Structure formats: structure tokens, C-alpha cells
Amino acid sequence: MVSNSVRVWAVLLLLIFTASASFAGSVEITSGQWARPRSGSQIVSLDGLQGVISELEQQPGSVVTVRYAGGDEGLLWAEELRGWFVALGVSGDRIVLRPGLAERDRIVLETE
């Protein structure tokens, strides 16, 4: 008979494996997601962001490109996101900001 704690651990490992296996290298954060009050726990709970951080940890030479719409508003959003990445332990030299995204209501993160 399998104990409940073993079942819980098995489910957690399956979820972790599924989350890391499903990361496709590109994540979108919408303005609606970003509009919520931000804290460290809220930031890491954004869909796909843990996959980006995990990818950066697993690939030492990789970088994350933050694609955003131009203008002051887009730049402020991208700079704040960069600050959160640094607060979460990602070196600033591994974060590239790239303006020119056509959609103003989202930011796209790509790992390379």
C-alpha cells in the first residue's frame, strides 16, 4: 500500500516535470497579468516565468530577450521586469531588452 505522502510527492514531481518539459522558449506576459499588484511570489507565479528562469539556470550561456513595444510605457514595463529578474537571481548581463514588438498589451520573453 502506498502512503498518502508518497502519492503527494509523486504528483508534485510529475507537475514539476510537466512544467519544465512544456517550456517552449517563448512566454507572453499580458498587460492584464502585469496590472495586478506585484510581489516576488506573484511574479514567479506568472505563466511560463518559472520555465524561463529554469531554462536560464540549466543553460549557463543562455540569455532572455525581453521584447516590448517601443515608447516610454513599454520601456518602463521592460525595465521593471528586468529588475524582477535580477531580484530573482538572474544576472543583468543575461537580460536583453529589445523594443519594436507590434502589440502594446504584452511583453514576449524568449530564451536563446
N, C-alpha and C. Protein backbone atom coordinates (compact mmCIF):
# COMPACT_ATOMS: atom_id res chain seq x y z
N MET A 1 0.84 -1.18 0.00
CA MET A 1 0.00 0.00 0.00
C MET A 1 0.89 1.25 0.00
N VAL A 2 0.57 2.21 -0.84
CA VAL A 2 1.35 3.44 -0.97
C VAL A 2 0.76 4.49 -0.03
N SER A 3 1.62 5.12 0.76
CA SER A 3 1.14 6.14 1.69
C SER A 3 0.74 7.40 0.95
N ASN A 4 -0.07 8.23 1.62
CA ASN A 4 -0.51 9.49 1.02
C ASN A 4 0.65 10.42 0.73
N SER A 5 1.65 10.45 1.61
CA SER A 5 2.78 11.36 1.38
C SER A 5 3.57 10.95 0.13
N VAL A 6 3.68 9.67 -0.13
CA VAL A 6 4.37 9.21 -1.34
C VAL A 6 3.57 9.63 -2.57
N ARG A 7 2.25 9.52 -2.50
CA ARG A 7 1.40 9.94 -3.62
C ARG A 7 1.55 11.44 -3.88
N VAL A 8 1.56 12.23 -2.80
CA VAL A 8 1.70 13.67 -2.94
C VAL A 8 3.02 14.00 -3.61
N TRP A 9 4.11 13.38 -3.17
CA TRP A 9 5.42 13.64 -3.77
C TRP A 9 5.44 13.21 -5.24
N ALA A 10 4.81 12.10 -5.55
CA ALA A 10 4.77 11.65 -6.93
C ALA A 10 4.03 12.66 -7.82
N VAL A 11 2.93 13.19 -7.33
CA VAL A 11 2.17 14.18 -8.09
C VAL A 11 2.99 15.46 -8.26
N LEU A 12 3.66 15.91 -7.19
CA LEU A 12 4.49 17.11 -7.28
C LEU A 12 5.61 16.94 -8.30
N LEU A 13 6.28 15.79 -8.27
CA LEU A 13 7.35 15.55 -9.24
C LEU A 13 6.81 15.52 -10.66
N LEU A 14 5.64 14.94 -10.84
CA LEU A 14 5.03 14.91 -12.16
C LEU A 14 4.71 16.32 -12.64
N LEU A 15 4.17 17.17 -11.76
CA LEU A 15 3.86 18.55 -12.13
C LEU A 15 5.12 19.32 -12.48
N ILE A 16 6.18 19.15 -11.70
CA ILE A 16 7.43 19.84 -11.98
C ILE A 16 8.00 19.39 -13.32
N PHE A 17 7.99 18.08 -13.57
CA PHE A 17 8.50 17.56 -14.84
C PHE A 17 7.67 18.08 -16.01
N THR A 18 6.36 18.08 -15.86
CA THR A 18 5.48 18.55 -16.92
C THR A 18 5.71 20.02 -17.21
N ALA A 19 5.85 20.82 -16.16
CA ALA A 19 6.07 22.26 -16.35
C ALA A 19 7.38 22.52 -17.08
N SER A 20 8.45 21.82 -16.70
CA SER A 20 9.74 22.06 -17.35
C SER A 20 9.77 21.47 -18.75
N ALA A 21 9.08 20.38 -18.97
CA ALA A 21 9.07 19.77 -20.30
C ALA A 21 8.24 20.57 -21.28
N SER A 22 7.23 21.32 -20.77
CA SER A 22 6.36 22.05 -21.68
C SER A 22 6.88 23.45 -22.02
N PHE A 23 7.98 23.87 -21.43
CA PHE A 23 8.51 25.19 -21.72
C PHE A 23 9.02 25.23 -23.15
N ALA A 24 8.51 26.18 -23.91
CA ALA A 24 8.82 26.23 -25.34
C ALA A 24 9.85 27.28 -25.70
N GLY A 25 10.38 28.01 -24.74
CA GLY A 25 11.39 29.01 -25.04
C GLY A 25 10.83 30.39 -25.30
N SER A 26 9.52 30.55 -25.31
CA SER A 26 8.89 31.85 -25.52
C SER A 26 7.67 31.95 -24.62
N VAL A 27 7.58 33.07 -23.91
CA VAL A 27 6.49 33.29 -22.96
C VAL A 27 5.94 34.68 -23.17
N GLU A 28 4.62 34.83 -23.11
CA GLU A 28 3.99 36.14 -23.19
C GLU A 28 3.44 36.52 -21.83
N ILE A 29 3.64 37.78 -21.46
CA ILE A 29 3.02 38.34 -20.27
C ILE A 29 2.13 39.47 -20.75
N THR A 30 0.84 39.38 -20.46
CA THR A 30 -0.09 40.39 -20.92
C THR A 30 -0.16 41.56 -19.94
N SER A 31 -0.66 42.67 -20.43
CA SER A 31 -0.81 43.83 -19.55
C SER A 31 -1.80 43.54 -18.43
N GLY A 32 -2.78 42.70 -18.68
CA GLY A 32 -3.73 42.30 -17.64
C GLY A 32 -3.04 41.53 -16.51
N GLN A 33 -2.15 40.62 -16.87
CA GLN A 33 -1.38 39.89 -15.85
C GLN A 33 -0.49 40.85 -15.09
N TRP A 34 0.12 41.78 -15.79
CA TRP A 34 1.08 42.69 -15.18
C TRP A 34 0.40 43.75 -14.31
N ALA A 35 -0.88 44.04 -14.58
CA ALA A 35 -1.60 45.09 -13.86
C ALA A 35 -1.88 44.73 -12.40
N ARG A 36 -1.78 43.47 -12.06
CA ARG A 36 -2.02 43.06 -10.66
C ARG A 36 -0.92 43.60 -9.77
N PRO A 37 -1.23 43.83 -8.48
CA PRO A 37 -0.16 44.24 -7.56
C PRO A 37 0.98 43.21 -7.59
N ARG A 38 2.21 43.71 -7.67
CA ARG A 38 3.34 42.81 -7.86
C ARG A 38 4.10 42.56 -6.56
N SER A 39 4.46 41.31 -6.38
CA SER A 39 5.32 40.87 -5.29
C SER A 39 6.17 39.73 -5.85
N GLY A 40 7.17 39.32 -5.13
CA GLY A 40 8.02 38.23 -5.61
C GLY A 40 7.23 36.97 -5.90
N SER A 41 6.31 36.61 -5.00
CA SER A 41 5.54 35.38 -5.21
C SER A 41 4.57 35.53 -6.40
N GLN A 42 4.03 36.72 -6.60
CA GLN A 42 3.13 36.92 -7.73
C GLN A 42 3.90 36.86 -9.04
N ILE A 43 5.08 37.43 -9.06
CA ILE A 43 5.89 37.44 -10.28
C ILE A 43 6.25 36.01 -10.69
N VAL A 44 6.74 35.20 -9.75
CA VAL A 44 7.13 33.84 -10.12
C VAL A 44 5.94 32.96 -10.45
N SER A 45 4.72 33.39 -10.08
CA SER A 45 3.55 32.60 -10.42
C SER A 45 3.00 32.91 -11.81
N LEU A 46 3.57 33.92 -12.49
CA LEU A 46 3.11 34.22 -13.86
C LEU A 46 3.37 33.02 -14.76
N ASP A 47 2.41 32.71 -15.61
CA ASP A 47 2.53 31.56 -16.50
C ASP A 47 3.83 31.62 -17.29
N GLY A 48 4.60 30.56 -17.20
CA GLY A 48 5.80 30.41 -18.00
C GLY A 48 7.06 31.04 -17.44
N LEU A 49 6.94 31.95 -16.48
CA LEU A 49 8.13 32.64 -15.98
C LEU A 49 9.08 31.68 -15.26
N GLN A 50 8.53 30.71 -14.54
CA GLN A 50 9.39 29.73 -13.88
C GLN A 50 10.16 28.92 -14.91
N GLY A 51 9.54 28.65 -16.06
CA GLY A 51 10.21 27.94 -17.13
C GLY A 51 11.37 28.73 -17.71
N VAL A 52 11.19 30.05 -17.83
CA VAL A 52 12.27 30.91 -18.33
C VAL A 52 13.44 30.88 -17.36
N ILE A 53 13.15 31.05 -16.08
CA ILE A 53 14.22 31.05 -15.06
C ILE A 53 14.90 29.70 -15.00
N SER A 54 14.13 28.63 -15.08
CA SER A 54 14.70 27.28 -15.08
C SER A 54 15.61 27.07 -16.29
N GLU A 55 15.17 27.53 -17.44
CA GLU A 55 15.98 27.42 -18.67
C GLU A 55 17.31 28.17 -18.51
N LEU A 56 17.26 29.36 -17.93
CA LEU A 56 18.48 30.14 -17.71
C LEU A 56 19.42 29.43 -16.74
N GLU A 57 18.86 28.80 -15.73
CA GLU A 57 19.69 28.08 -14.75
C GLU A 57 20.34 26.85 -15.38
N GLN A 58 19.60 26.16 -16.26
CA GLN A 58 20.11 24.93 -16.87
C GLN A 58 21.08 25.19 -18.01
N GLN A 59 20.99 26.36 -18.64
CA GLN A 59 21.85 26.70 -19.77
C GLN A 59 22.69 27.92 -19.40
N PRO A 60 23.86 27.73 -18.82
CA PRO A 60 24.67 28.86 -18.32
C PRO A 60 24.97 29.95 -19.34
N GLY A 61 25.05 29.66 -20.60
CA GLY A 61 25.37 30.66 -21.60
C GLY A 61 24.15 31.32 -22.22
N SER A 62 22.97 30.95 -21.77
CA SER A 62 21.75 31.48 -22.39
C SER A 62 21.40 32.87 -21.87
N VAL A 63 20.57 33.55 -22.64
CA VAL A 63 20.07 34.88 -22.26
C VAL A 63 18.55 34.88 -22.46
N VAL A 64 17.89 35.82 -21.80
CA VAL A 64 16.47 36.03 -22.04
C VAL A 64 16.33 37.38 -22.74
N THR A 65 15.62 37.37 -23.85
CA THR A 65 15.34 38.61 -24.57
C THR A 65 13.92 39.04 -24.22
N VAL A 66 13.81 40.27 -23.76
CA VAL A 66 12.52 40.84 -23.41
C VAL A 66 12.09 41.73 -24.57
N ARG A 67 11.13 41.26 -25.35
CA ARG A 67 10.63 42.03 -26.49
C ARG A 67 9.41 42.82 -26.03
N TYR A 68 9.44 44.13 -26.28
CA TYR A 68 8.37 45.01 -25.81
C TYR A 68 8.08 46.06 -26.87
N ALA A 69 6.90 46.67 -26.75
CA ALA A 69 6.56 47.78 -27.65
C ALA A 69 7.44 48.97 -27.31
N GLY A 70 7.73 49.79 -28.27
CA GLY A 70 8.56 50.96 -28.01
C GLY A 70 7.84 51.98 -27.16
N GLY A 71 8.50 53.09 -26.94
CA GLY A 71 7.91 54.17 -26.17
C GLY A 71 8.23 54.06 -24.68
N ASP A 72 7.90 55.12 -23.97
CA ASP A 72 8.22 55.18 -22.55
C ASP A 72 7.51 54.11 -21.74
N GLU A 73 6.23 53.89 -22.02
CA GLU A 73 5.46 52.90 -21.25
C GLU A 73 6.03 51.50 -21.42
N GLY A 74 6.34 51.12 -22.65
CA GLY A 74 6.91 49.81 -22.91
C GLY A 74 8.28 49.65 -22.25
N LEU A 75 9.09 50.70 -22.34
CA LEU A 75 10.42 50.65 -21.73
C LEU A 75 10.32 50.54 -20.20
N LEU A 76 9.41 51.28 -19.59
CA LEU A 76 9.24 51.18 -18.13
C LEU A 76 8.83 49.77 -17.72
N TRP A 77 7.93 49.17 -18.48
CA TRP A 77 7.48 47.82 -18.19
C TRP A 77 8.66 46.85 -18.32
N ALA A 78 9.41 46.95 -19.41
CA ALA A 78 10.54 46.05 -19.64
C ALA A 78 11.62 46.24 -18.56
N GLU A 79 11.89 47.48 -18.17
CA GLU A 79 12.89 47.75 -17.13
C GLU A 79 12.45 47.19 -15.78
N GLU A 80 11.16 47.32 -15.46
CA GLU A 80 10.68 46.76 -14.19
C GLU A 80 10.79 45.24 -14.21
N LEU A 81 10.45 44.62 -15.33
CA LEU A 81 10.58 43.17 -15.44
C LEU A 81 12.04 42.75 -15.30
N ARG A 82 12.94 43.51 -15.91
CA ARG A 82 14.37 43.23 -15.76
C ARG A 82 14.76 43.28 -14.27
N GLY A 83 14.27 44.28 -13.56
CA GLY A 83 14.55 44.39 -12.13
C GLY A 83 14.06 43.19 -11.35
N TRP A 84 12.89 42.68 -11.71
CA TRP A 84 12.39 41.48 -11.03
C TRP A 84 13.26 40.26 -11.35
N PHE A 85 13.70 40.13 -12.60
CA PHE A 85 14.60 39.03 -12.94
C PHE A 85 15.87 39.09 -12.09
N VAL A 86 16.44 40.26 -11.96
CA VAL A 86 17.66 40.42 -11.16
C VAL A 86 17.38 40.09 -9.70
N ALA A 87 16.24 40.53 -9.19
CA ALA A 87 15.86 40.22 -7.80
C ALA A 87 15.70 38.72 -7.60
N LEU A 88 15.33 38.02 -8.66
CA LEU A 88 15.16 36.56 -8.57
C LEU A 88 16.45 35.80 -8.85
N GLY A 89 17.56 36.53 -9.02
CA GLY A 89 18.86 35.89 -9.14
C GLY A 89 19.43 35.78 -10.53
N VAL A 90 18.77 36.35 -11.53
CA VAL A 90 19.28 36.32 -12.90
C VAL A 90 20.24 37.50 -13.08
N SER A 91 21.42 37.23 -13.56
CA SER A 91 22.41 38.29 -13.78
C SER A 91 21.91 39.25 -14.85
N GLY A 92 22.08 40.55 -14.61
CA GLY A 92 21.62 41.57 -15.54
C GLY A 92 22.20 41.45 -16.93
N ASP A 93 23.40 40.91 -17.05
CA ASP A 93 24.01 40.78 -18.38
C ASP A 93 23.40 39.64 -19.20
N ARG A 94 22.50 38.88 -18.59
CA ARG A 94 21.82 37.80 -19.30
C ARG A 94 20.41 38.21 -19.73
N ILE A 95 20.10 39.51 -19.59
CA ILE A 95 18.78 40.03 -19.94
C ILE A 95 18.95 41.09 -21.03
N VAL A 96 18.35 40.86 -22.18
CA VAL A 96 18.44 41.78 -23.31
C VAL A 96 17.07 42.39 -23.54
N LEU A 97 17.00 43.72 -23.55
CA LEU A 97 15.75 44.41 -23.85
C LEU A 97 15.72 44.77 -25.33
N ARG A 98 14.63 44.41 -26.01
CA ARG A 98 14.54 44.68 -27.45
C ARG A 98 13.18 45.32 -27.76
N PRO A 99 13.18 46.62 -28.13
CA PRO A 99 11.91 47.27 -28.49
C PRO A 99 11.45 46.85 -29.87
N GLY A 100 10.21 47.24 -30.19
CA GLY A 100 9.70 47.01 -31.53
C GLY A 100 8.59 45.99 -31.63
N LEU A 101 8.13 45.44 -30.51
CA LEU A 101 7.02 44.49 -30.55
C LEU A 101 5.77 45.25 -31.02
N ALA A 102 5.02 44.69 -31.95
CA ALA A 102 3.85 45.37 -32.51
C ALA A 102 2.72 45.53 -31.50
N GLU A 103 2.54 44.56 -30.63
CA GLU A 103 1.46 44.60 -29.65
C GLU A 103 1.89 45.37 -28.41
N ARG A 104 1.14 46.38 -28.02
CA ARG A 104 1.47 47.19 -26.85
C ARG A 104 0.96 46.57 -25.55
N ASP A 105 0.10 45.56 -25.66
CA ASP A 105 -0.53 44.99 -24.46
C ASP A 105 0.16 43.73 -23.96
N ARG A 106 1.39 43.52 -24.39
CA ARG A 106 2.11 42.31 -23.95
C ARG A 106 3.61 42.51 -24.06
N ILE A 107 4.30 41.65 -23.34
CA ILE A 107 5.76 41.53 -23.44
C ILE A 107 6.03 40.07 -23.78
N VAL A 108 7.00 39.83 -24.62
CA VAL A 108 7.35 38.46 -25.00
C VAL A 108 8.77 38.19 -24.49
N LEU A 109 8.92 37.07 -23.79
CA LEU A 109 10.22 36.64 -23.29
C LEU A 109 10.68 35.46 -24.12
N GLU A 110 11.91 35.53 -24.62
CA GLU A 110 12.48 34.44 -25.42
C GLU A 110 13.84 34.08 -24.86
N THR A 111 14.08 32.81 -24.67
CA THR A 111 15.40 32.38 -24.24
C THR A 111 16.19 31.93 -25.45
N GLU A 112 17.46 32.28 -25.45
CA GLU A 112 18.35 31.96 -26.57
C GLU A 112 19.63 31.35 -26.03
